[in-house]
Amino acid sequence: MAEPGTTAGICAGAAVALPCSLLGAQTDAMVVGLIAAVLISFWLDAIDDRKKAFLAVLTSSLVAAYASPPVAKQMVSWFPAVGGDADGFRLACAFGLGGLGPTVIPKLLKRAVRKVEEL
């Protein structure tokens, strides 16, 4: 039997790839972020059903697709020893963002809900 993360990852990639590529997403970064999110979701105990796995992989791949170019530019400006080429560093940033997404995004959402409830 396939893991929930694998099936959800395939569904998320298929559902999002074409519309987001038409909206300017970096498709190679999206694929790298999707792979990282699927790999991380295997080890997370919080992702225990297909809905959670689908949403974790979907949001992580979208964050990797849209945020990797500006993050790569910022990282190159902070660390000039990287080589000065942000495009070569973009896929590494996409992998990092895709891997961090399933753990960081739910925590940020919980914090945002708590802040809204305080208002």
Protein backbone atom coordinates (compact mmCIF):
# COMPACT_ATOMS: atom_id res chain seq x y z
CA MET A 1 0.00 0.00 0.00
CA ALA A 2 1.31 3.43 -0.87
CA GLU A 3 1.96 5.98 1.84
CA PRO A 4 -0.61 8.81 2.08
CA GLY A 5 2.13 11.33 1.30
CA THR A 6 3.00 9.65 -2.00
CA THR A 7 -0.54 9.57 -3.34
CA ALA A 8 -1.28 13.07 -2.07
CA GLY A 9 1.97 14.36 -3.55
CA ILE A 10 1.12 13.00 -6.97
CA CYS A 11 -2.39 14.47 -6.79
CA ALA A 12 -1.10 17.83 -5.59
CA GLY A 13 1.49 18.02 -8.34
CA ALA A 14 -1.01 17.13 -11.03
CA ALA A 15 -3.62 19.56 -9.75
CA VAL A 16 -1.31 22.53 -9.39
CA ALA A 17 1.41 22.27 -12.03
CA LEU A 18 -0.36 23.58 -15.12
CA PRO A 19 -2.39 26.46 -13.60
CA CYS A 20 0.56 27.72 -11.57
CA SER A 21 2.95 27.51 -14.48
CA LEU A 22 0.55 29.74 -16.40
CA LEU A 23 0.63 32.17 -13.44
CA GLY A 24 4.42 32.47 -13.46
CA ALA A 25 5.55 29.79 -11.03
CA GLN A 26 8.96 28.25 -11.48
CA THR A 27 7.96 24.71 -12.49
CA ASP A 28 11.37 23.17 -11.82
CA ALA A 29 11.38 24.70 -8.33
CA MET A 30 7.82 23.45 -7.84
CA VAL A 31 8.86 19.90 -8.66
CA VAL A 32 11.90 20.08 -6.37
CA GLY A 33 9.75 21.51 -3.56
CA LEU A 34 7.14 18.82 -4.15
CA ILE A 35 9.77 16.08 -3.88
CA ALA A 36 11.16 17.57 -0.67
CA ALA A 37 7.69 17.93 0.84
CA VAL A 38 6.79 14.33 0.03
CA LEU A 39 10.04 13.10 1.57
CA ILE A 40 9.52 15.14 4.74
CA SER A 41 5.87 14.14 5.07
CA PHE A 42 6.94 10.48 5.35
CA TRP A 43 8.60 11.22 8.70
CA LEU A 44 6.10 13.63 10.21
CA ASP A 45 3.70 12.09 12.70
CA ALA A 46 1.27 15.00 12.35
CA ILE A 47 0.56 14.07 8.72
CA ASP A 48 -1.53 10.95 9.18
CA ASP A 49 -4.20 11.11 6.48
CA ARG A 50 -4.46 12.00 2.80
CA LYS A 51 -6.07 15.40 3.36
CA LYS A 52 -3.25 16.61 5.60
CA ALA A 53 -0.64 15.15 3.27
CA PHE A 54 -2.26 16.76 0.22
CA LEU A 55 -2.43 20.19 1.85
CA ALA A 56 1.12 19.96 3.22
CA VAL A 57 2.59 18.97 -0.13
CA LEU A 58 0.46 21.48 -2.04
CA THR A 59 1.39 24.48 0.09
CA SER A 60 5.05 23.48 0.29
CA SER A 61 5.39 23.11 -3.46
CA LEU A 62 3.65 26.45 -4.04
CA VAL A 63 5.90 28.19 -1.53
CA ALA A 64 8.94 26.61 -3.18
CA ALA A 65 7.76 27.64 -6.65
CA TYR A 66 7.03 31.27 -5.87
CA ALA A 67 9.45 32.06 -3.04
CA SER A 68 12.64 30.35 -4.24
CA PRO A 69 13.75 33.10 -6.68
CA PRO A 70 13.60 35.97 -4.15
CA VAL A 71 15.05 33.79 -1.38
CA ALA A 72 17.91 32.75 -3.66
CA LYS A 73 18.66 36.39 -4.53
CA GLN A 74 18.67 37.33 -0.87
CA MET A 75 20.91 34.41 0.08
CA VAL A 76 23.39 35.31 -2.66
CA SER A 77 23.50 38.89 -1.42
CA TRP A 78 24.09 37.70 2.15
CA PHE A 79 26.69 35.08 1.19
CA PRO A 80 28.74 36.30 -1.79
CA ALA A 81 30.95 33.21 -1.56
CA VAL A 82 28.10 31.24 -3.12
CA GLY A 83 29.15 32.59 -6.46
CA GLY A 84 26.91 35.52 -7.23
CA ASP A 85 24.53 33.51 -9.43
CA ALA A 86 21.09 33.31 -7.84
CA ASP A 87 19.71 31.08 -10.58
CA GLY A 88 22.09 28.27 -9.70
CA PHE A 89 21.16 28.54 -6.03
CA ARG A 90 17.42 28.69 -6.66
CA LEU A 91 16.81 24.93 -6.74
CA ALA A 92 18.66 24.42 -3.47
CA CYS A 93 16.44 27.09 -1.93
CA ALA A 94 13.37 25.38 -3.41
CA PHE A 95 14.40 22.08 -1.82
CA GLY A 96 14.90 23.79 1.54
CA LEU A 97 11.59 25.65 1.34
CA GLY A 98 9.76 22.50 0.26
CA GLY A 99 11.29 20.56 3.13
CA LEU A 100 10.53 23.21 5.72
CA GLY A 101 6.99 23.80 4.50
CA PRO A 102 5.20 20.81 6.11
CA THR A 103 6.64 21.71 9.51
CA VAL A 104 6.68 25.51 9.46
CA ILE A 105 3.46 26.38 7.61
CA PRO A 106 1.09 24.63 10.10
CA LYS A 107 2.85 26.34 13.00
CA LEU A 108 2.50 29.73 11.32
CA LEU A 109 -1.18 29.11 10.64
CA LYS A 110 -1.81 28.11 14.27
CA ARG A 111 -0.03 31.25 15.44
CA ALA A 112 -2.07 33.40 13.05
CA VAL A 113 -5.32 31.87 14.28
CA ARG A 114 -4.28 32.50 17.88
CA LYS A 115 -3.47 36.15 17.08
CA VAL A 116 -6.83 36.62 15.33
CA GLU A 117 -8.68 35.07 18.27
CA GLU A 118 -6.92 37.51 20.63
CA LEU A 119 -8.31 40.48 18.72
